[in-house]
Amino acid sequence: MDEQDGSAGPAGSRVRRRVRRSVAIGLVVAVWVGGVVVAGAAAGSPASATGTSSGTVAASSVRAAGTAGATVAASSARAAATAGTSTAPRLAVTKVTAHSTVTSTRTRVTTALTVKNTSSVRKPALDAWLYLAAGSGKYTLGRVAVRSLAPGASTTVRSTRTAPSRAPAGKYTVLACTGAYTATGCRSSIATVPTARTPRARPETGLMLDVARAYYPVQLLEQYVDLLADHGGRFLHLHLTDDQNVGIESDVLGQTLADADLHDGVWTSRVTGRPFLSVAQARTVADHANQRGIAIVPEVDTPGHMAAAFALLEARHGAQWVDRIRAGESELDTTAPAAAALAASLYAEVEQTFPSSTAVHIGGDEWGGDVSANGRVAWMNAVAADLGDREVWAWNDGIDRAAIARLDPRIRVTYWSFDGDTEDPAERRERRQRRAKASDLYAAGTNLLNYDSYYLYEVPTDLDEADSAYTVADLRANWSLRSWDGDSGARLAGPMSGAAVAVWGEDLAAPPSGALLRWTAPHVIAMIETANR
């Protein structure tokens, strides 16, 4: 990762720069090696986990495969998904027509896509994504499902979608894209469609819990769901993986119940010695959240923060196997086809574990200097293509200003820090020169969620009540959905679409319990109420 000074990071160690305290966390250095990934190239003809090439399969077969043996299918689906810039068989959008219907409350955009299988083999079904585009701004309309087509066959797919309220009124072309997003891989409508200004959508507010480093019992997770539901929250973001632990059962990684010990309802891995949620426990929480109207957003962080995953994989396959997919102590080698295949199978598995979740967080934080700006965005775009019909979230610090135009517009960015909260002045200047500001992303149409590390992060230790009270008062007085650069006073032209309080677990003096819930609740409630002002 690029947080080489040991300062802040959404999934790594953090430094809270509040007046009331200074929390210094240990150094974790992760240096990336290898070449640049380009969209579709690193995964256009991927090998399976055993190093053999595999044929093209449907993306749906990936989502059905939740075991390590599914890596071949996952790798093949990645090839299909990223075929837009490779020689693999593809479905190409050959024509886009669109018109809009405008009312005082919304704009409805109706599209017709002509899609052709330009290859000599049958191409499996996939999802095409639609965007409104004007100048450098792109706003996601949604997806349409395209059925499997025989060689040379064409089909026309029609859909009607509501233009997002954050898109300014104006005239837009409609972009239709298949596979991994590239600016040249999309087809644009010839005619433009007018949109009108519509009322602001209700903010999407929620909470992130670090269930990798800290074990949250099912009952406590359900209580957090209730907290959100009772106060108008919308989602619970579960940070499932990190260097210290994989917090969820995973056949892909070899963290199975057969290789774990059960004590008082808690499963503990015999490899890592750390507790984790079983699939059954995770689904119990998800079912409760569904009943209360709270969306679960699971996060599997790649390509970094993989140290615990590597330990599990070494126990199952040996160090030599793992060496083929890693670029350092805790990073996947983004140039290795088997690494792309592993990532694809991990996301397929999390989709199976949380089948009702419509969004998946892919991490993408704390990159090393040897992966280019375009390479980082290409990895995120390829992973998004693997996820097909799911909404995709990612951290902001992998996105440089120079690469914004290459970022898939469907990716929602959880913006936590402009400079990673580094304490090194030179590094701070360098990051601020190249990284995308929230205002840059906002201008490009990116759907932003506010995770401001100054106002919305917690790294609790002894649960000091005065600390909690200060946080709440500071937030109510100074924060809004337009805030984006800590306590600098920087404001966006308009609000982000939502926000979350993030509770990180590396410094907890005691395991998560009702005391932690009571300590964090005022912060969560204050954020929700302030966001809705």
Protein backbone atom coordinates (compact mmCIF):
# COMPACT_ATOMS: atom_id res chain seq x y z
CA MET A 1 0.00 0.00 0.00
CA ASP A 2 1.07 3.63 -0.26
CA GLU A 3 0.60 4.52 3.41
CA GLN A 4 4.29 3.91 4.04
CA ASP A 5 4.48 6.38 6.90
CA GLY A 6 2.11 4.22 8.94
CA SER A 7 -0.65 6.79 8.98
CA ALA A 8 -4.26 6.59 8.02
CA GLY A 9 -6.04 4.27 5.63
CA PRO A 10 -9.57 2.96 5.38
CA ALA A 11 -8.51 -0.64 5.78
CA GLY A 12 -5.05 -0.20 7.20
CA SER A 13 -3.81 1.69 10.24
CA ARG A 14 -5.21 5.13 10.99
CA VAL A 15 -4.23 8.34 12.73
CA ARG A 16 -7.10 10.40 14.13
CA ARG A 17 -6.14 14.07 13.89
CA ARG A 18 -8.78 15.45 16.23
CA VAL A 19 -7.89 18.08 18.80
CA ARG A 20 -9.02 15.88 21.64
CA ARG A 21 -6.49 13.10 21.03
CA SER A 22 -3.70 11.69 18.89
CA VAL A 23 -3.87 8.00 18.12
CA ALA A 24 -0.76 6.51 16.53
CA ILE A 25 -1.14 3.09 14.96
CA GLY A 26 1.59 0.67 13.88
CA LEU A 27 3.27 0.73 10.52
CA VAL A 28 2.19 -1.60 7.75
CA VAL A 29 4.19 -1.27 4.55
CA ALA A 30 3.07 -2.95 1.38
CA VAL A 31 5.07 -2.42 -1.79
CA TRP A 32 3.58 -3.43 -5.11
CA VAL A 33 5.73 -4.92 -7.85
CA GLY A 34 4.97 -5.86 -11.41
CA GLY A 35 3.78 -4.16 -14.56
CA VAL A 36 0.77 -2.09 -15.41
CA VAL A 37 -2.66 -3.66 -15.76
CA VAL A 38 -4.73 -2.40 -18.65
CA ALA A 39 -8.46 -2.95 -18.83
CA GLY A 40 -9.12 -6.38 -20.21
CA ALA A 41 -5.47 -7.22 -20.86
CA ALA A 42 -4.47 -8.72 -17.53
CA ALA A 43 -7.64 -10.78 -17.45
CA GLY A 44 -8.44 -11.18 -21.11
CA SER A 45 -7.00 -14.70 -21.22
CA PRO A 46 -6.57 -15.60 -17.56
CA ALA A 47 -5.28 -18.87 -16.27
CA SER A 48 -7.08 -20.83 -13.62
CA ALA A 49 -5.79 -21.18 -10.08
CA THR A 50 -3.72 -24.12 -11.28
CA GLY A 51 -2.15 -22.13 -14.10
CA THR A 52 -4.10 -23.72 -16.96
CA SER A 53 -6.14 -21.69 -19.41
CA SER A 54 -9.92 -22.02 -19.32
CA GLY A 55 -12.71 -21.45 -21.78
CA THR A 56 -15.40 -18.83 -21.60
CA VAL A 57 -18.32 -19.47 -19.27
CA ALA A 58 -21.33 -17.46 -18.25
CA ALA A 59 -20.94 -14.83 -15.56
CA SER A 60 -23.83 -16.52 -13.78
CA SER A 61 -21.69 -19.62 -13.34
CA VAL A 62 -19.19 -17.51 -11.45
CA ARG A 63 -21.84 -16.27 -9.06
CA ALA A 64 -22.92 -19.86 -8.48
CA ALA A 65 -19.39 -20.98 -7.66
CA GLY A 66 -18.35 -20.42 -4.09
CA THR A 67 -15.48 -22.82 -3.64
CA ALA A 68 -11.81 -22.86 -4.50
CA GLY A 69 -12.62 -25.30 -7.26
CA ALA A 70 -14.67 -22.54 -8.90
CA THR A 71 -11.57 -20.50 -9.63
CA VAL A 72 -11.42 -21.79 -13.21
CA ALA A 73 -15.00 -20.69 -13.84
CA ALA A 74 -14.37 -17.37 -12.14
CA SER A 75 -11.25 -16.80 -14.23
CA SER A 76 -13.16 -17.59 -17.40
CA ALA A 77 -15.98 -15.24 -16.45
CA ARG A 78 -13.42 -12.52 -15.91
CA ALA A 79 -12.25 -13.11 -19.46
CA ALA A 80 -15.81 -12.80 -20.67
CA ALA A 81 -16.46 -9.72 -18.59
CA THR A 82 -13.37 -7.90 -19.80
CA ALA A 83 -13.73 -8.96 -23.40
CA GLY A 84 -14.44 -5.39 -24.49
CA THR A 85 -10.73 -4.81 -25.09
CA SER A 86 -9.52 -8.35 -25.72
CA THR A 87 -9.82 -10.96 -28.43
CA ALA A 88 -12.24 -13.08 -26.37
CA PRO A 89 -15.79 -13.59 -27.71
CA ARG A 90 -17.97 -10.61 -26.91
CA LEU A 91 -21.39 -9.07 -27.19
CA ALA A 92 -21.03 -5.65 -28.77
CA VAL A 93 -23.57 -2.83 -28.61
CA THR A 94 -24.03 -1.75 -32.23
CA LYS A 95 -26.78 0.85 -31.82
CA VAL A 96 -28.32 2.96 -29.05
CA THR A 97 -31.50 4.98 -29.33
CA ALA A 98 -33.01 6.95 -26.47
CA HIS A 99 -35.69 9.46 -25.55
CA SER A 100 -36.84 10.99 -22.27
CA THR A 101 -40.08 11.90 -20.54
CA VAL A 102 -39.77 14.82 -18.15
CA THR A 103 -42.07 15.64 -15.23
CA SER A 104 -41.73 17.97 -12.27
CA THR A 105 -40.41 15.15 -10.08
CA ARG A 106 -38.30 12.97 -12.37
CA THR A 107 -36.91 12.27 -15.81
CA ARG A 108 -37.54 8.83 -17.32
CA VAL A 109 -35.08 7.74 -20.01
CA THR A 110 -36.19 4.99 -22.40
CA THR A 111 -33.48 3.21 -24.35
CA ALA A 112 -33.25 0.54 -27.03
CA LEU A 113 -29.93 -1.29 -27.45
CA THR A 114 -29.04 -3.43 -30.42
CA VAL A 115 -26.48 -6.01 -29.32
CA LYS A 116 -24.62 -8.40 -31.61
CA ASN A 117 -22.41 -11.40 -30.98
CA THR A 118 -19.46 -10.49 -33.16
CA SER A 119 -17.62 -13.77 -32.54
CA SER A 120 -17.79 -17.23 -34.07
CA VAL A 121 -18.87 -18.92 -30.82
CA ARG A 122 -21.92 -18.57 -28.56
CA LYS A 123 -21.52 -15.72 -26.09
CA PRO A 124 -23.08 -16.06 -22.63
CA ALA A 125 -25.55 -13.63 -21.15
CA LEU A 126 -24.19 -10.50 -19.52
CA ASP A 127 -25.24 -7.09 -18.23
CA ALA A 128 -24.95 -3.87 -20.22
CA TRP A 129 -24.64 -0.68 -18.18
CA LEU A 130 -26.21 2.61 -19.21
CA TYR A 131 -24.92 6.11 -18.47
CA LEU A 132 -25.98 9.69 -19.15
CA ALA A 133 -23.00 11.57 -20.62
CA ALA A 134 -22.37 15.27 -21.20
CA GLY A 135 -18.84 16.57 -21.56
CA SER A 136 -16.71 14.94 -18.87
CA GLY A 137 -19.70 14.14 -16.66
CA LYS A 138 -21.21 10.64 -16.60
CA TYR A 139 -24.13 9.50 -14.45
CA THR A 140 -25.24 5.90 -14.05
CA LEU A 141 -28.73 5.07 -15.32
CA GLY A 142 -28.61 1.37 -14.48
CA ARG A 143 -28.22 -1.97 -16.17
CA VAL A 144 -30.03 -4.12 -18.71
CA ALA A 145 -29.68 -7.87 -19.01
CA VAL A 146 -28.60 -9.21 -22.41
CA ARG A 147 -29.40 -12.84 -23.18
CA SER A 148 -26.98 -15.37 -24.59
CA LEU A 149 -26.54 -15.07 -28.33
CA ALA A 150 -25.46 -17.51 -31.04
CA PRO A 151 -22.55 -16.57 -33.31
CA GLY A 152 -23.46 -13.56 -35.44
CA ALA A 153 -26.89 -13.17 -33.83
CA SER A 154 -28.35 -9.83 -32.72
CA THR A 155 -31.03 -8.78 -30.27
CA THR A 156 -32.70 -5.53 -29.23
CA VAL A 157 -33.15 -4.82 -25.53
CA ARG A 158 -35.42 -2.05 -24.28
CA SER A 159 -35.51 -0.46 -20.85
CA THR A 160 -36.74 2.59 -18.99
CA ARG A 161 -34.70 4.11 -16.16
CA THR A 162 -35.03 7.18 -13.97
CA ALA A 163 -32.27 9.76 -14.30
CA PRO A 164 -30.42 10.26 -10.99
CA SER A 165 -31.44 13.40 -9.15
CA ARG A 166 -27.79 14.43 -8.74
CA ALA A 167 -27.41 14.80 -12.53
CA PRO A 168 -27.81 18.49 -13.43
CA ALA A 169 -30.61 19.43 -15.81
CA GLY A 170 -29.41 19.46 -19.40
CA LYS A 171 -29.00 17.42 -22.56
CA TYR A 172 -27.20 14.07 -22.46
CA THR A 173 -26.25 11.27 -24.79
CA VAL A 174 -26.79 7.74 -23.51
CA LEU A 175 -23.76 5.44 -23.30
CA ALA A 176 -24.19 1.67 -23.32
CA CYS A 177 -21.22 -0.45 -22.24
CA THR A 178 -20.53 -4.17 -21.97
CA GLY A 179 -17.62 -5.84 -20.18
CA ALA A 180 -14.97 -3.88 -18.32
CA TYR A 181 -15.52 -0.16 -18.82
CA THR A 182 -13.32 1.67 -21.30
CA ALA A 183 -14.11 5.03 -22.84
CA THR A 184 -13.72 3.55 -26.33
CA GLY A 185 -15.63 0.35 -25.53
CA CYS A 186 -19.05 1.99 -25.21
CA ARG A 187 -21.63 2.92 -27.83
CA SER A 188 -23.26 6.36 -27.67
CA SER A 189 -26.71 7.40 -28.80
CA ILE A 190 -26.77 9.82 -31.73
CA ALA A 191 -29.61 11.89 -30.34
CA THR A 192 -29.48 13.64 -26.96
CA VAL A 193 -32.13 13.38 -24.29
CA PRO A 194 -33.20 16.37 -22.16
CA THR A 195 -33.42 16.08 -18.38
CA ALA A 196 -34.93 18.41 -15.81
CA ARG A 197 -33.85 19.29 -12.31
CA THR A 198 -35.52 16.96 -9.82
CA PRO A 199 -35.83 16.98 -6.03
CA ARG A 200 -32.81 15.73 -4.12
CA ALA A 201 -33.00 12.07 -3.23
CA ARG A 202 -33.08 11.02 0.41
CA PRO A 203 -29.48 10.61 1.64
CA GLU A 204 -28.25 7.04 2.00
CA THR A 205 -26.77 6.86 5.48
CA GLY A 206 -25.26 3.93 7.29
CA LEU A 207 -22.51 2.41 9.37
CA MET A 208 -19.32 0.48 8.64
CA LEU A 209 -18.12 -2.13 11.12
CA ASP A 210 -14.66 -3.68 11.00
CA VAL A 211 -15.70 -7.31 11.50
CA ALA A 212 -12.30 -8.53 10.30
CA ARG A 213 -10.19 -7.28 13.20
CA ALA A 214 -12.96 -7.39 15.81
CA TYR A 215 -15.50 -10.20 16.23
CA TYR A 216 -19.08 -8.93 16.47
CA PRO A 217 -21.53 -11.58 17.74
CA VAL A 218 -24.66 -12.05 15.67
CA GLN A 219 -26.87 -10.50 18.34
CA LEU A 220 -24.71 -7.35 18.45
CA LEU A 221 -24.75 -7.02 14.67
CA GLU A 222 -28.53 -7.30 14.75
CA GLN A 223 -28.64 -4.55 17.40
CA TYR A 224 -26.62 -2.30 15.09
CA VAL A 225 -29.11 -3.08 12.33
CA ASP A 226 -31.91 -2.04 14.69
CA LEU A 227 -30.07 1.17 15.56
CA LEU A 228 -29.91 2.10 11.88
CA ALA A 229 -33.49 1.10 11.17
CA ASP A 230 -34.85 2.99 14.19
CA HIS A 231 -33.15 6.23 13.17
CA GLY A 232 -33.54 6.26 9.39
CA GLY A 233 -30.29 4.62 8.32
CA ARG A 234 -30.13 2.67 5.08
CA PHE A 235 -27.12 0.32 5.06
CA LEU A 236 -24.63 -1.68 7.14
CA HIS A 237 -21.19 -1.95 5.51
CA LEU A 238 -19.27 -5.00 6.79
CA HIS A 239 -15.48 -4.81 6.35
CA LEU A 240 -14.90 -8.58 6.16
CA THR A 241 -11.21 -8.93 5.32
CA ASP A 242 -7.94 -7.31 6.33
CA ASP A 243 -4.32 -8.18 6.97
CA GLN A 244 -5.05 -9.40 10.49
CA ASN A 245 -8.03 -11.64 9.78
CA VAL A 246 -10.65 -12.90 7.39
CA GLY A 247 -13.87 -12.37 9.31
CA ILE A 248 -16.10 -14.68 7.28
CA GLU A 249 -16.22 -18.38 6.41
CA SER A 250 -14.62 -18.93 2.99
CA ASP A 251 -14.28 -22.15 1.04
CA VAL A 252 -12.21 -20.26 -1.54
CA LEU A 253 -9.59 -19.39 1.08
CA GLY A 254 -9.88 -22.61 3.04
CA GLN A 255 -11.45 -21.05 6.13
CA THR A 256 -14.05 -23.75 6.64
CA LEU A 257 -15.97 -24.97 9.66
CA ALA A 258 -14.17 -28.31 9.34
CA ASP A 259 -10.88 -26.50 10.04
CA ALA A 260 -12.22 -24.42 12.92
CA ASP A 261 -13.13 -24.87 16.57
CA LEU A 262 -16.56 -23.96 17.97
CA HIS A 263 -16.85 -22.54 21.47
CA ASP A 264 -19.90 -20.72 22.85
CA GLY A 265 -21.25 -20.21 19.34
CA VAL A 266 -17.99 -18.68 18.00
CA TRP A 267 -15.96 -20.32 15.25
CA THR A 268 -12.18 -19.86 15.50
CA SER A 269 -9.78 -20.71 12.68
CA ARG A 270 -7.07 -23.22 13.54
CA VAL A 271 -4.82 -21.47 11.02
CA THR A 272 -5.08 -17.82 12.07
CA GLY A 273 -6.31 -18.35 15.63
CA ARG A 274 -8.91 -15.64 14.99
CA PRO A 275 -12.73 -15.84 15.20
CA PHE A 276 -14.97 -15.47 12.16
CA LEU A 277 -18.62 -15.50 11.18
CA SER A 278 -19.95 -18.65 9.56
CA VAL A 279 -22.00 -18.33 6.38
CA ALA A 280 -25.08 -19.33 8.38
CA GLN A 281 -24.42 -16.59 10.95
CA ALA A 282 -23.85 -14.01 8.21
CA ARG A 283 -27.12 -14.96 6.56
CA THR A 284 -28.92 -14.69 9.90
CA VAL A 285 -27.72 -11.09 10.16
CA ALA A 286 -28.62 -10.44 6.51
CA ASP A 287 -32.12 -11.85 7.01
CA HIS A 288 -32.66 -9.62 10.03
CA ALA A 289 -31.38 -6.60 8.09
CA ASN A 290 -33.72 -7.40 5.21
CA GLN A 291 -36.67 -7.53 7.61
CA ARG A 292 -35.72 -4.11 9.00
CA GLY A 293 -35.12 -2.53 5.59
CA ILE A 294 -31.34 -2.24 6.00
CA ALA A 295 -29.06 -3.18 3.10
CA ILE A 296 -25.95 -5.23 3.87
CA VAL A 297 -22.87 -4.13 1.90
CA PRO A 298 -20.14 -6.78 2.28
CA GLU A 299 -16.55 -5.72 1.62
CA VAL A 300 -13.78 -8.05 0.46
CA ASP A 301 -10.70 -5.87 0.13
CA THR A 302 -8.45 -6.54 -2.85
CA PRO A 303 -5.80 -6.36 -4.17
CA GLY A 304 -4.18 -5.24 -0.90
CA HIS A 305 -4.68 -6.26 2.73
CA MET A 306 -4.49 -9.96 1.84
CA ALA A 307 -2.03 -11.16 4.53
CA ALA A 308 -4.61 -13.23 6.45
CA ALA A 309 -6.00 -14.61 3.20
CA PHE A 310 -2.49 -15.64 2.15
CA ALA A 311 -1.95 -17.44 5.47
CA LEU A 312 -5.12 -19.44 4.88
CA LEU A 313 -4.16 -20.21 1.28
CA GLU A 314 -0.67 -21.30 2.31
CA ALA A 315 -2.16 -23.72 4.83
CA ARG A 316 -4.28 -25.24 2.07
CA HIS A 317 -2.03 -25.04 -1.01
CA GLY A 318 1.49 -24.27 0.22
CA ALA A 319 3.73 -21.21 -0.03
CA GLN A 320 4.81 -21.93 -3.61
CA TRP A 321 1.17 -21.79 -4.77
CA VAL A 322 0.63 -18.46 -3.02
CA ASP A 323 3.87 -17.00 -4.35
CA ARG A 324 2.41 -17.14 -7.86
CA ILE A 325 -0.35 -14.67 -6.97
CA ARG A 326 1.24 -12.24 -4.54
CA ALA A 327 3.48 -9.24 -5.07
CA GLY A 328 4.46 -8.74 -1.45
CA GLU A 329 3.55 -9.61 2.12
CA SER A 330 -0.11 -8.74 1.66
CA GLU A 331 -0.81 -7.83 -1.97
CA LEU A 332 -2.13 -9.67 -4.97
CA ASP A 333 0.04 -9.37 -8.05
CA THR A 334 -2.34 -7.58 -10.40
CA THR A 335 -0.33 -8.80 -13.40
CA ALA A 336 -0.82 -12.49 -12.52
CA PRO A 337 -3.80 -14.18 -14.22
CA ALA A 338 -4.22 -16.53 -11.25
CA ALA A 339 -4.50 -13.52 -8.92
CA ALA A 340 -7.32 -12.11 -11.05
CA ALA A 341 -8.97 -15.53 -10.98
CA LEU A 342 -8.73 -15.70 -7.19
CA ALA A 343 -10.25 -12.24 -6.80
CA ALA A 344 -13.10 -13.19 -9.13
CA SER A 345 -13.87 -16.33 -7.13
CA LEU A 346 -13.77 -14.39 -3.84
CA TYR A 347 -16.36 -11.93 -5.11
CA ALA A 348 -18.45 -14.77 -6.50
CA GLU A 349 -18.38 -16.35 -3.05
CA VAL A 350 -19.39 -13.18 -1.20
CA GLU A 351 -22.32 -12.82 -3.61
CA GLN A 352 -23.39 -16.33 -2.61
CA THR A 353 -22.96 -15.62 1.09
CA PHE A 354 -25.05 -12.44 0.83
CA PRO A 355 -27.46 -13.25 -2.01
CA SER A 356 -29.84 -10.38 -1.23
CA SER A 357 -27.11 -7.71 -1.21
CA THR A 358 -27.36 -5.46 -4.23
CA ALA A 359 -23.98 -3.80 -3.57
CA VAL A 360 -20.47 -5.15 -2.91
CA HIS A 361 -17.51 -3.10 -1.70
CA ILE A 362 -14.30 -4.15 -3.48
CA GLY A 363 -11.77 -2.26 -1.33
CA GLY A 364 -9.12 -0.93 -3.69
CA ASP A 365 -7.32 1.16 -1.09
CA GLU A 366 -3.70 1.85 -0.13
CA TRP A 367 -1.93 1.04 -3.36
CA GLY A 368 1.81 0.92 -3.87
CA GLY A 369 3.81 3.19 -6.13
CA ASP A 370 4.62 0.49 -8.69
CA VAL A 371 1.03 0.26 -9.95
CA SER A 372 0.15 3.10 -12.28
CA ALA A 373 -2.91 5.32 -11.96
CA ASN A 374 -4.43 3.66 -15.02
CA GLY A 375 -3.54 0.23 -13.68
CA ARG A 376 -5.40 0.85 -10.42
CA VAL A 377 -8.53 2.02 -12.19
CA ALA A 378 -8.31 -0.87 -14.67
CA TRP A 379 -8.28 -3.36 -11.78
CA MET A 380 -11.36 -1.76 -10.23
CA ASN A 381 -13.15 -1.69 -13.59
CA ALA A 382 -12.38 -5.36 -14.25
CA VAL A 383 -13.62 -6.38 -10.80
CA ALA A 384 -16.77 -4.34 -11.35
CA ALA A 385 -17.33 -6.21 -14.62
CA ASP A 386 -16.97 -9.52 -12.74
CA LEU A 387 -19.72 -8.44 -10.35
CA GLY A 388 -22.19 -8.07 -13.20
CA ASP A 389 -25.49 -6.81 -11.84
CA ARG A 390 -24.23 -5.69 -8.41
CA GLU A 391 -23.58 -2.09 -7.48
CA VAL A 392 -19.86 -1.68 -6.82
CA TRP A 393 -18.29 0.49 -4.10
CA ALA A 394 -14.58 1.31 -3.72
CA TRP A 395 -12.31 3.51 -1.58
CA ASN A 396 -11.09 6.76 -3.13
CA ASP A 397 -7.34 6.67 -2.59
CA GLY A 398 -6.60 4.46 -5.59
CA ILE A 399 -8.02 7.07 -7.99
CA ASP A 400 -5.70 9.73 -9.35
CA ARG A 401 -6.97 12.87 -11.04
CA ALA A 402 -5.41 11.77 -14.34
CA ALA A 403 -7.39 8.51 -14.37
CA ILE A 404 -10.88 9.75 -13.48
CA ALA A 405 -12.09 9.56 -17.09
CA ARG A 406 -11.14 5.86 -17.17
CA LEU A 407 -13.09 4.94 -14.01
CA ASP A 408 -16.29 2.97 -14.60
CA PRO A 409 -19.06 5.48 -13.75
CA ARG A 410 -21.08 2.75 -12.05
CA ILE A 411 -18.50 2.52 -9.23
CA ARG A 412 -19.61 4.42 -6.13
CA VAL A 413 -16.65 5.95 -4.33
CA THR A 414 -16.50 5.94 -0.54
CA TYR A 415 -14.43 9.08 -0.03
CA TRP A 416 -12.50 8.94 3.25
CA SER A 417 -9.37 11.12 2.80
CA PHE A 418 -7.61 13.23 0.18
CA ASP A 419 -4.08 12.47 1.39
CA GLY A 420 -4.46 9.37 3.54
CA ASP A 421 -4.04 11.50 6.70
CA THR A 422 -0.28 11.15 6.31
CA GLU A 423 1.87 13.03 8.80
CA ASP A 424 4.75 13.38 6.31
CA PRO A 425 4.62 16.87 4.72
CA ALA A 426 6.36 15.84 1.48
CA GLU A 427 4.13 12.82 1.04
CA ARG A 428 1.09 14.92 1.82
CA ARG A 429 2.01 17.41 -0.94
CA GLU A 430 2.72 14.64 -3.46
CA ARG A 431 -0.60 12.91 -2.85
CA ARG A 432 -2.56 16.13 -3.05
CA GLN A 433 -0.93 16.92 -6.36
CA ARG A 434 -1.99 13.68 -8.04
CA ARG A 435 -4.97 12.20 -6.21
CA ALA A 436 -8.52 12.93 -7.22
CA LYS A 437 -10.23 15.49 -5.05
CA ALA A 438 -13.80 14.78 -4.10
CA SER A 439 -14.65 17.88 -6.13
CA ASP A 440 -12.96 16.34 -9.21
CA LEU A 441 -15.01 13.17 -8.85
CA TYR A 442 -18.19 15.14 -8.17
CA ALA A 443 -17.67 17.15 -11.36
CA ALA A 444 -17.19 13.89 -13.30
CA GLY A 445 -20.57 12.62 -12.07
CA THR A 446 -19.14 10.00 -9.68
CA ASN A 447 -21.60 8.82 -7.08
CA LEU A 448 -19.89 9.71 -3.79
CA LEU A 449 -20.48 8.49 -0.25
CA ASN A 450 -19.02 10.53 2.60
CA TYR A 451 -16.67 8.56 4.90
CA ASP A 452 -14.69 11.63 6.03
CA SER A 453 -11.91 10.30 8.27
CA TYR A 454 -11.96 13.38 10.49
CA TYR A 455 -15.66 13.57 11.31
CA LEU A 456 -16.88 10.03 10.63
CA TYR A 457 -14.06 7.65 11.65
CA GLU A 458 -13.81 5.98 15.02
CA VAL A 459 -10.87 3.90 16.26
CA PRO A 460 -12.18 3.25 19.77
CA THR A 461 -9.96 2.22 22.66
CA ASP A 462 -11.29 2.67 26.19
CA LEU A 463 -14.72 4.05 25.15
CA ASP A 464 -14.19 7.38 26.86
CA GLU A 465 -17.60 9.10 27.12
CA ALA A 466 -16.03 12.55 26.75
CA ASP A 467 -14.46 11.44 23.46
CA SER A 468 -17.84 10.34 22.15
CA ALA A 469 -19.50 13.57 23.28
CA TYR A 470 -16.86 15.72 21.56
CA THR A 471 -17.23 13.77 18.31
CA VAL A 472 -21.00 14.30 18.26
CA ALA A 473 -20.82 18.02 19.05
CA ASP A 474 -18.07 18.61 16.48
CA LEU A 475 -19.98 16.74 13.77
CA ARG A 476 -23.27 18.56 14.38
CA ALA A 477 -21.54 21.94 14.31
CA ASN A 478 -19.15 21.53 11.39
CA TRP A 479 -19.91 18.53 9.14
CA SER A 480 -22.29 18.10 6.23
CA LEU A 481 -22.65 15.89 3.18
CA ARG A 482 -20.67 18.53 1.28
CA SER A 483 -17.61 18.19 3.57
CA TRP A 484 -14.78 16.20 2.06
CA ASP A 485 -11.31 17.21 3.27
CA GLY A 486 -11.28 16.66 7.02
CA ASP A 487 -11.59 19.85 9.04
CA SER A 488 -10.17 22.07 6.26
CA GLY A 489 -13.55 23.62 5.56
CA ALA A 490 -13.54 22.40 1.94
CA ARG A 491 -17.07 21.97 0.58
CA LEU A 492 -18.49 20.45 -2.60
CA ALA A 493 -20.87 22.37 -4.85
CA GLY A 494 -23.58 19.92 -3.82
CA PRO A 495 -24.02 17.13 -1.28
CA MET A 496 -22.71 13.61 -1.62
CA SER A 497 -25.44 10.99 -1.96
CA GLY A 498 -24.90 9.56 1.51
CA ALA A 499 -22.50 8.91 4.37
CA ALA A 500 -21.39 6.38 6.96
CA VAL A 501 -19.72 6.33 10.34
CA ALA A 502 -16.82 3.85 10.21
CA VAL A 503 -15.86 1.95 13.38
CA TRP A 504 -12.41 0.34 13.10
CA GLY A 505 -11.36 -2.45 15.41
CA GLU A 506 -7.58 -2.54 15.74
CA ASP A 507 -7.41 -0.63 19.04
CA LEU A 508 -10.40 -2.02 20.91
CA ALA A 509 -9.39 -2.74 24.51
CA ALA A 510 -12.24 -5.23 24.88
CA PRO A 511 -14.26 -7.33 22.40
CA PRO A 512 -17.26 -5.57 20.83
CA SER A 513 -20.25 -5.62 23.15
CA GLY A 514 -23.24 -3.57 24.19
CA ALA A 515 -20.84 -1.01 25.65
CA LEU A 516 -19.41 -0.31 22.19
CA LEU A 517 -22.92 -0.02 20.75
CA ARG A 518 -23.87 2.54 23.41
CA TRP A 519 -20.65 4.47 22.77
CA THR A 520 -21.03 4.61 18.97
CA ALA A 521 -24.81 5.13 18.82
CA PRO A 522 -24.77 8.92 19.47
CA HIS A 523 -22.23 9.38 16.65
CA VAL A 524 -24.34 7.34 14.21
CA ILE A 525 -27.55 9.13 15.14
CA ALA A 526 -25.90 12.56 14.85
CA MET A 527 -24.56 11.71 11.39
CA ILE A 528 -27.98 10.52 10.15
CA GLU A 529 -29.79 13.54 11.52
CA THR A 530 -27.20 16.01 10.21
CA ALA A 531 -27.16 14.39 6.75
CA ASN A 532 -30.93 14.78 6.51
CA ARG A 533 -30.99 18.47 7.45
